Amino acid sequence: MKTFKQHLQEASLWDYMYKKNKAVFYRGQSSSGKGMGIGMLGLGIYLTWSESMAQSFAKKQSRGIVQTFKVKRGLKMVDNTSNDFAKAMANLGRKPWEWSQSKEFSGFLTGELKQMGYDGAYSDNPAEGIVIFDKKNAKEIR
């Protein structure tokens, strides 16, 4: 069972990123609609708080663009270094750092985290970014 301090630490990083960016996050995307994100945090819409990271991805793509999104307030997000994330990975027979680029793996991870009540996952690394499982929780604003 998590202590209050563990809950506070996990919530604080997401709350800090959310408030600092005023709920605005970025997505580098190719002209075909493929966005950044390698599936290590689950399935959904991958975003980053670093506009330059999104721009770097978009520049590597043919006619890539950067989209700006507003993320819904009050989402329950899991840190990829948390005990809950490690538990979800263990349920898939993996260590927290043992992920796969397969859609099947990402789908199972998303299912595990959703069963725990999470709306998305995040990393403190802007290249890994955040994933919002339900696209309705992130609205394109420009």
N, C-alpha and C. Protein backbone atom coordinates (compact mmCIF):
# COMPACT_ATOMS: atom_id res chain seq x y z
N MET A 1 0.84 -1.18 0.00
CA MET A 1 0.00 0.00 0.00
C MET A 1 0.89 1.25 0.00
N LYS A 2 0.51 2.23 -0.80
CA LYS A 2 1.30 3.45 -0.89
C LYS A 2 1.09 4.34 0.33
N THR A 3 2.14 5.03 0.67
CA THR A 3 2.04 6.01 1.74
C THR A 3 1.51 7.31 1.16
N PHE A 4 1.08 8.18 2.02
CA PHE A 4 0.62 9.50 1.59
C PHE A 4 1.73 10.23 0.84
N LYS A 5 2.96 10.10 1.35
CA LYS A 5 4.11 10.76 0.72
C LYS A 5 4.31 10.26 -0.72
N GLN A 6 4.16 8.96 -0.96
CA GLN A 6 4.31 8.42 -2.32
C GLN A 6 3.23 8.99 -3.24
N HIS A 7 1.99 9.05 -2.77
CA HIS A 7 0.92 9.63 -3.57
C HIS A 7 1.21 11.09 -3.88
N LEU A 8 1.67 11.82 -2.89
CA LEU A 8 1.96 13.24 -3.06
C LEU A 8 3.09 13.44 -4.07
N GLN A 9 4.15 12.64 -3.99
CA GLN A 9 5.26 12.78 -4.92
C GLN A 9 4.81 12.50 -6.34
N GLU A 10 4.02 11.46 -6.55
CA GLU A 10 3.55 11.12 -7.89
C GLU A 10 2.65 12.21 -8.44
N ALA A 11 1.74 12.70 -7.62
CA ALA A 11 0.81 13.73 -8.07
C ALA A 11 1.54 15.04 -8.32
N SER A 12 2.57 15.33 -7.54
CA SER A 12 3.24 16.61 -7.64
C SER A 12 3.91 16.84 -8.99
N LEU A 13 4.58 15.85 -9.53
CA LEU A 13 5.25 16.03 -10.81
C LEU A 13 4.24 16.31 -11.91
N TRP A 14 3.18 15.51 -11.99
CA TRP A 14 2.16 15.74 -13.01
C TRP A 14 1.48 17.09 -12.78
N ASP A 15 1.12 17.39 -11.53
CA ASP A 15 0.48 18.67 -11.23
C ASP A 15 1.39 19.82 -11.61
N TYR A 16 2.68 19.69 -11.34
CA TYR A 16 3.64 20.74 -11.69
C TYR A 16 3.68 20.95 -13.21
N MET A 17 3.81 19.84 -13.97
CA MET A 17 3.87 19.96 -15.43
C MET A 17 2.57 20.56 -15.97
N TYR A 18 1.46 20.11 -15.43
CA TYR A 18 0.15 20.57 -15.90
C TYR A 18 0.00 22.08 -15.67
N LYS A 19 0.30 22.52 -14.45
CA LYS A 19 0.15 23.93 -14.11
C LYS A 19 1.17 24.80 -14.84
N LYS A 20 2.41 24.34 -14.90
CA LYS A 20 3.46 25.12 -15.55
C LYS A 20 3.12 25.38 -17.01
N ASN A 21 2.53 24.40 -17.67
CA ASN A 21 2.20 24.53 -19.09
C ASN A 21 0.77 24.99 -19.32
N LYS A 22 0.06 25.33 -18.25
CA LYS A 22 -1.33 25.78 -18.33
C LYS A 22 -2.17 24.80 -19.14
N ALA A 23 -1.91 23.50 -18.94
CA ALA A 23 -2.64 22.39 -19.57
C ALA A 23 -2.35 22.27 -21.06
N VAL A 24 -1.35 22.98 -21.58
CA VAL A 24 -1.03 22.96 -23.01
C VAL A 24 0.18 22.05 -23.24
N PHE A 25 0.01 21.12 -24.20
CA PHE A 25 1.07 20.18 -24.56
C PHE A 25 1.15 20.09 -26.07
N TYR A 26 2.23 19.50 -26.58
CA TYR A 26 2.52 19.51 -28.01
C TYR A 26 2.68 18.10 -28.55
N ARG A 27 2.44 18.00 -29.86
CA ARG A 27 2.57 16.72 -30.55
C ARG A 27 3.21 16.98 -31.91
N GLY A 28 4.36 16.36 -32.13
CA GLY A 28 4.97 16.38 -33.46
C GLY A 28 4.30 15.31 -34.29
N GLN A 29 3.93 15.64 -35.51
CA GLN A 29 3.18 14.69 -36.33
C GLN A 29 3.62 14.79 -37.79
N SER A 30 3.64 13.64 -38.45
CA SER A 30 3.96 13.60 -39.87
C SER A 30 2.71 13.95 -40.68
N SER A 31 2.89 14.17 -41.97
CA SER A 31 1.76 14.49 -42.83
C SER A 31 0.77 13.33 -42.93
N SER A 32 1.22 12.12 -42.64
CA SER A 32 0.33 10.95 -42.69
C SER A 32 -0.50 10.80 -41.42
N GLY A 33 -0.23 11.64 -40.43
CA GLY A 33 -0.98 11.58 -39.17
C GLY A 33 -0.28 10.81 -38.08
N LYS A 34 0.85 10.19 -38.40
CA LYS A 34 1.60 9.44 -37.38
C LYS A 34 2.29 10.45 -36.47
N GLY A 35 2.07 10.27 -35.18
CA GLY A 35 2.66 11.19 -34.22
C GLY A 35 3.81 10.58 -33.47
N MET A 36 4.44 11.43 -32.67
CA MET A 36 5.53 10.93 -31.86
C MET A 36 4.98 10.03 -30.78
N GLY A 37 5.80 9.19 -30.27
CA GLY A 37 5.39 8.24 -29.24
C GLY A 37 5.72 6.84 -29.67
N ILE A 38 6.39 6.11 -28.80
CA ILE A 38 6.86 4.79 -29.18
C ILE A 38 6.10 3.68 -28.46
N GLY A 39 5.06 4.02 -27.75
CA GLY A 39 4.23 3.02 -27.12
C GLY A 39 4.68 2.52 -25.77
N MET A 40 5.74 3.10 -25.23
CA MET A 40 6.26 2.58 -23.98
C MET A 40 5.40 2.92 -22.77
N LEU A 41 4.50 3.87 -22.91
CA LEU A 41 3.62 4.24 -21.80
C LEU A 41 2.19 3.74 -22.02
N GLY A 42 1.94 3.10 -23.14
CA GLY A 42 0.60 2.61 -23.45
C GLY A 42 0.11 3.16 -24.78
N LEU A 43 -1.16 2.91 -25.08
CA LEU A 43 -1.77 3.39 -26.31
C LEU A 43 -2.57 4.65 -26.04
N GLY A 44 -2.56 5.55 -26.98
CA GLY A 44 -3.32 6.79 -26.86
C GLY A 44 -2.63 7.87 -27.64
N ILE A 45 -2.88 9.08 -27.24
CA ILE A 45 -2.27 10.23 -27.91
C ILE A 45 -1.04 10.66 -27.10
N TYR A 46 0.11 10.60 -27.76
CA TYR A 46 1.37 10.98 -27.12
C TYR A 46 1.60 12.47 -27.30
N LEU A 47 1.96 13.12 -26.19
CA LEU A 47 2.22 14.55 -26.17
C LEU A 47 3.50 14.79 -25.39
N THR A 48 4.02 15.99 -25.51
CA THR A 48 5.17 16.40 -24.73
C THR A 48 4.94 17.83 -24.25
N TRP A 49 5.58 18.20 -23.17
CA TRP A 49 5.49 19.57 -22.68
C TRP A 49 6.56 20.44 -23.34
N SER A 50 7.44 19.83 -24.12
CA SER A 50 8.52 20.54 -24.78
C SER A 50 8.18 20.78 -26.25
N GLU A 51 7.88 22.04 -26.58
CA GLU A 51 7.56 22.36 -27.97
C GLU A 51 8.74 22.05 -28.89
N SER A 52 9.96 22.27 -28.40
CA SER A 52 11.14 21.97 -29.23
C SER A 52 11.28 20.48 -29.49
N MET A 53 10.88 19.63 -28.55
CA MET A 53 10.91 18.18 -28.77
C MET A 53 9.92 17.80 -29.87
N ALA A 54 8.72 18.38 -29.82
CA ALA A 54 7.72 18.12 -30.86
C ALA A 54 8.20 18.63 -32.21
N GLN A 55 8.86 19.78 -32.22
CA GLN A 55 9.40 20.33 -33.46
C GLN A 55 10.49 19.43 -34.04
N SER A 56 11.33 18.87 -33.18
CA SER A 56 12.39 17.96 -33.64
C SER A 56 11.79 16.74 -34.32
N PHE A 57 10.72 16.18 -33.75
CA PHE A 57 10.06 15.03 -34.36
C PHE A 57 9.46 15.44 -35.70
N ALA A 58 8.76 16.57 -35.72
CA ALA A 58 8.09 17.02 -36.95
C ALA A 58 9.11 17.28 -38.07
N LYS A 59 10.27 17.82 -37.73
CA LYS A 59 11.30 18.11 -38.74
C LYS A 59 11.85 16.84 -39.38
N LYS A 60 11.84 15.74 -38.64
CA LYS A 60 12.34 14.48 -39.17
C LYS A 60 11.35 13.83 -40.13
N GLN A 61 10.13 14.33 -40.14
CA GLN A 61 9.06 13.76 -40.97
C GLN A 61 8.88 14.60 -42.23
N SER A 62 8.40 13.97 -43.27
CA SER A 62 8.07 14.68 -44.49
C SER A 62 6.85 15.57 -44.22
N ARG A 63 7.02 16.86 -44.38
CA ARG A 63 5.95 17.84 -44.14
C ARG A 63 5.33 17.70 -42.75
N GLY A 64 6.18 17.45 -41.76
CA GLY A 64 5.70 17.30 -40.39
C GLY A 64 5.19 18.60 -39.83
N ILE A 65 4.32 18.50 -38.85
CA ILE A 65 3.73 19.67 -38.20
C ILE A 65 3.77 19.48 -36.68
N VAL A 66 3.59 20.57 -35.97
CA VAL A 66 3.44 20.53 -34.52
C VAL A 66 2.02 20.95 -34.20
N GLN A 67 1.33 20.11 -33.46
CA GLN A 67 -0.02 20.42 -33.02
C GLN A 67 0.03 20.80 -31.54
N THR A 68 -0.89 21.64 -31.14
CA THR A 68 -0.99 22.08 -29.75
C THR A 68 -2.31 21.57 -29.18
N PHE A 69 -2.22 20.98 -28.00
CA PHE A 69 -3.39 20.39 -27.35
C PHE A 69 -3.57 20.95 -25.95
N LYS A 70 -4.81 21.02 -25.54
CA LYS A 70 -5.16 21.34 -24.16
C LYS A 70 -5.63 20.04 -23.53
N VAL A 71 -5.05 19.68 -22.40
CA VAL A 71 -5.39 18.43 -21.71
C VAL A 71 -6.41 18.73 -20.63
N LYS A 72 -7.42 17.89 -20.57
CA LYS A 72 -8.50 18.02 -19.60
C LYS A 72 -7.97 18.03 -18.17
N ARG A 73 -8.56 18.84 -17.36
CA ARG A 73 -8.20 18.94 -15.94
C ARG A 73 -8.70 17.72 -15.18
N GLY A 74 -7.97 17.34 -14.14
CA GLY A 74 -8.42 16.31 -13.21
C GLY A 74 -8.17 14.88 -13.64
N LEU A 75 -7.32 14.67 -14.66
CA LEU A 75 -7.02 13.31 -15.08
C LEU A 75 -6.14 12.63 -14.05
N LYS A 76 -6.35 11.35 -13.88
CA LYS A 76 -5.50 10.56 -12.98
C LYS A 76 -4.38 9.97 -13.83
N MET A 77 -3.17 10.45 -13.60
CA MET A 77 -2.01 10.07 -14.39
C MET A 77 -1.02 9.28 -13.54
N VAL A 78 -0.39 8.28 -14.15
CA VAL A 78 0.58 7.44 -13.44
C VAL A 78 1.99 7.77 -13.94
N ASP A 79 2.90 7.92 -13.01
CA ASP A 79 4.32 8.15 -13.31
C ASP A 79 4.95 6.82 -13.70
N ASN A 80 5.76 6.82 -14.75
CA ASN A 80 6.37 5.55 -15.19
C ASN A 80 7.44 5.03 -14.23
N THR A 81 7.71 5.77 -13.16
CA THR A 81 8.64 5.28 -12.14
C THR A 81 7.90 4.90 -10.85
N SER A 82 6.58 4.91 -10.90
CA SER A 82 5.79 4.64 -9.69
C SER A 82 5.61 3.14 -9.44
N ASN A 83 5.17 2.83 -8.24
CA ASN A 83 4.87 1.45 -7.88
C ASN A 83 3.73 0.89 -8.72
N ASP A 84 2.71 1.70 -9.00
CA ASP A 84 1.58 1.22 -9.80
C ASP A 84 2.01 0.87 -11.22
N PHE A 85 2.88 1.69 -11.80
CA PHE A 85 3.36 1.39 -13.15
C PHE A 85 4.17 0.09 -13.12
N ALA A 86 5.01 -0.07 -12.11
CA ALA A 86 5.80 -1.30 -11.97
C ALA A 86 4.88 -2.51 -11.80
N LYS A 87 3.80 -2.34 -11.05
CA LYS A 87 2.85 -3.43 -10.85
C LYS A 87 2.17 -3.81 -12.17
N ALA A 88 1.78 -2.82 -12.95
CA ALA A 88 1.15 -3.09 -14.25
C ALA A 88 2.13 -3.84 -15.16
N MET A 89 3.38 -3.43 -15.16
CA MET A 89 4.39 -4.11 -15.97
C MET A 89 4.61 -5.53 -15.47
N ALA A 90 4.64 -5.71 -14.15
CA ALA A 90 4.82 -7.05 -13.57
C ALA A 90 3.65 -7.97 -13.97
N ASN A 91 2.45 -7.42 -14.02
CA ASN A 91 1.29 -8.19 -14.45
C ASN A 91 1.44 -8.67 -15.89
N LEU A 92 2.28 -7.98 -16.66
CA LEU A 92 2.56 -8.37 -18.04
C LEU A 92 3.82 -9.22 -18.15
N GLY A 93 4.38 -9.57 -16.98
CA GLY A 93 5.58 -10.40 -16.95
C GLY A 93 6.85 -9.66 -17.28
N ARG A 94 6.87 -8.36 -17.01
CA ARG A 94 8.04 -7.54 -17.36
C ARG A 94 8.49 -6.69 -16.18
N LYS A 95 9.75 -6.30 -16.24
CA LYS A 95 10.30 -5.32 -15.30
C LYS A 95 9.86 -3.94 -15.81
N PRO A 96 9.86 -2.91 -14.94
CA PRO A 96 9.39 -1.58 -15.37
C PRO A 96 10.09 -1.02 -16.61
N TRP A 97 11.32 -1.39 -16.85
CA TRP A 97 12.08 -0.86 -17.98
C TRP A 97 12.03 -1.77 -19.21
N GLU A 98 11.38 -2.91 -19.10
CA GLU A 98 11.31 -3.87 -20.21
C GLU A 98 10.02 -3.67 -21.00
N TRP A 99 10.07 -2.81 -21.97
CA TRP A 99 8.89 -2.55 -22.78
C TRP A 99 9.14 -3.01 -24.21
N SER A 100 8.10 -2.98 -24.98
CA SER A 100 8.16 -3.44 -26.36
C SER A 100 7.50 -2.40 -27.25
N GLN A 101 7.93 -2.31 -28.49
CA GLN A 101 7.30 -1.37 -29.42
C GLN A 101 6.07 -1.96 -30.09
N SER A 102 5.66 -3.15 -29.70
CA SER A 102 4.49 -3.75 -30.34
C SER A 102 3.20 -3.11 -29.83
N LYS A 103 2.23 -2.98 -30.72
CA LYS A 103 0.93 -2.44 -30.33
C LYS A 103 0.24 -3.33 -29.31
N GLU A 104 0.48 -4.64 -29.41
CA GLU A 104 -0.14 -5.56 -28.47
C GLU A 104 0.33 -5.27 -27.05
N PHE A 105 1.65 -5.11 -26.88
CA PHE A 105 2.19 -4.79 -25.57
C PHE A 105 1.58 -3.49 -25.05
N SER A 106 1.59 -2.45 -25.89
CA SER A 106 1.06 -1.15 -25.48
C SER A 106 -0.41 -1.25 -25.11
N GLY A 107 -1.16 -2.06 -25.86
CA GLY A 107 -2.58 -2.24 -25.55
C GLY A 107 -2.80 -2.93 -24.22
N PHE A 108 -2.02 -3.97 -23.95
CA PHE A 108 -2.14 -4.67 -22.66
C PHE A 108 -1.76 -3.75 -21.51
N LEU A 109 -0.70 -2.97 -21.69
CA LEU A 109 -0.27 -2.03 -20.64
C LEU A 109 -1.37 -1.00 -20.38
N THR A 110 -1.95 -0.48 -21.44
CA THR A 110 -3.05 0.48 -21.29
C THR A 110 -4.20 -0.15 -20.52
N GLY A 111 -4.54 -1.38 -20.87
CA GLY A 111 -5.62 -2.08 -20.17
C GLY A 111 -5.34 -2.24 -18.69
N GLU A 112 -4.12 -2.63 -18.35
CA GLU A 112 -3.73 -2.78 -16.94
C GLU A 112 -3.87 -1.45 -16.19
N LEU A 113 -3.36 -0.39 -16.80
CA LEU A 113 -3.39 0.92 -16.13
C LEU A 113 -4.81 1.47 -16.03
N LYS A 114 -5.63 1.23 -17.04
CA LYS A 114 -7.03 1.67 -16.98
C LYS A 114 -7.77 0.92 -15.87
N GLN A 115 -7.48 -0.37 -15.71
CA GLN A 115 -8.12 -1.14 -14.63
C GLN A 115 -7.75 -0.58 -13.27
N MET A 116 -6.58 0.04 -13.17
CA MET A 116 -6.15 0.67 -11.92
C MET A 116 -6.76 2.06 -11.76
N GLY A 117 -7.50 2.52 -12.76
CA GLY A 117 -8.17 3.81 -12.68
C GLY A 117 -7.42 4.97 -13.30
N TYR A 118 -6.37 4.71 -14.07
CA TYR A 118 -5.58 5.79 -14.65
C TYR A 118 -6.11 6.21 -16.02
N ASP A 119 -5.98 7.51 -16.29
CA ASP A 119 -6.38 8.09 -17.57
C ASP A 119 -5.21 8.25 -18.53
N GLY A 120 -4.01 8.05 -18.03
CA GLY A 120 -2.82 8.22 -18.84
C GLY A 120 -1.57 7.96 -18.02
N ALA A 121 -0.44 8.09 -18.68
CA ALA A 121 0.85 7.86 -18.02
C ALA A 121 1.82 8.94 -18.48
N TYR A 122 2.87 9.17 -17.68
CA TYR A 122 3.86 10.18 -18.06
C TYR A 122 5.24 9.77 -17.57
N SER A 123 6.20 10.40 -18.21
CA SER A 123 7.61 10.24 -17.85
C SER A 123 8.16 11.63 -17.58
N ASP A 124 9.26 11.70 -16.86
CA ASP A 124 9.89 13.01 -16.67
C ASP A 124 10.82 13.35 -17.82
N ASN A 125 10.88 12.48 -18.82
CA ASN A 125 11.71 12.69 -20.01
C ASN A 125 10.82 13.25 -21.12
N PRO A 126 11.11 14.45 -21.64
CA PRO A 126 10.24 15.04 -22.65
C PRO A 126 10.18 14.23 -23.95
N ALA A 127 11.18 13.40 -24.22
CA ALA A 127 11.15 12.57 -25.43
C ALA A 127 10.13 11.44 -25.26
N GLU A 128 9.97 10.94 -24.05
CA GLU A 128 8.97 9.91 -23.78
C GLU A 128 7.61 10.55 -23.57
N GLY A 129 7.60 11.72 -22.93
CA GLY A 129 6.40 12.54 -22.78
C GLY A 129 5.30 11.95 -21.94
N ILE A 130 4.09 12.19 -22.40
CA ILE A 130 2.89 11.70 -21.72
C ILE A 130 2.01 11.01 -22.75
N VAL A 131 1.17 10.12 -22.27
CA VAL A 131 0.16 9.52 -23.14
C VAL A 131 -1.19 9.67 -22.45
N ILE A 132 -2.15 10.14 -23.21
CA ILE A 132 -3.53 10.25 -22.73
C ILE A 132 -4.28 9.11 -23.41
N PHE A 133 -4.79 8.17 -22.62
CA PHE A 133 -5.40 6.96 -23.18
C PHE A 133 -6.63 7.26 -24.05
N ASP A 134 -7.50 8.14 -23.58
CA ASP A 134 -8.71 8.49 -24.32
C ASP A 134 -8.51 9.83 -24.99
N LYS A 135 -8.54 9.85 -26.30
CA LYS A 135 -8.26 11.08 -27.05
C LYS A 135 -9.25 12.20 -26.74
N LYS A 136 -10.40 11.86 -26.18
CA LYS A 136 -11.39 12.89 -25.80
C LYS A 136 -10.87 13.77 -24.66
N ASN A 137 -9.82 13.31 -23.97
CA ASN A 137 -9.27 14.07 -22.84
C ASN A 137 -8.19 15.06 -23.26
N ALA A 138 -7.93 15.14 -24.57
CA ALA A 138 -6.96 16.11 -25.09
C ALA A 138 -7.56 16.72 -26.35
N LYS A 139 -7.74 18.03 -26.35
CA LYS A 139 -8.39 18.72 -27.47
C LYS A 139 -7.37 19.58 -28.21
N GLU A 140 -7.32 19.42 -29.54
CA GLU A 140 -6.41 20.24 -30.34
C GLU A 140 -6.90 21.68 -30.30
N ILE A 141 -5.99 22.61 -30.02
CA ILE A 141 -6.38 24.02 -29.92
C ILE A 141 -5.77 24.88 -31.03
N ARG A 142 -4.77 24.38 -31.74
CA ARG A 142 -4.21 25.07 -32.91
C ARG A 142 -3.24 24.20 -33.60
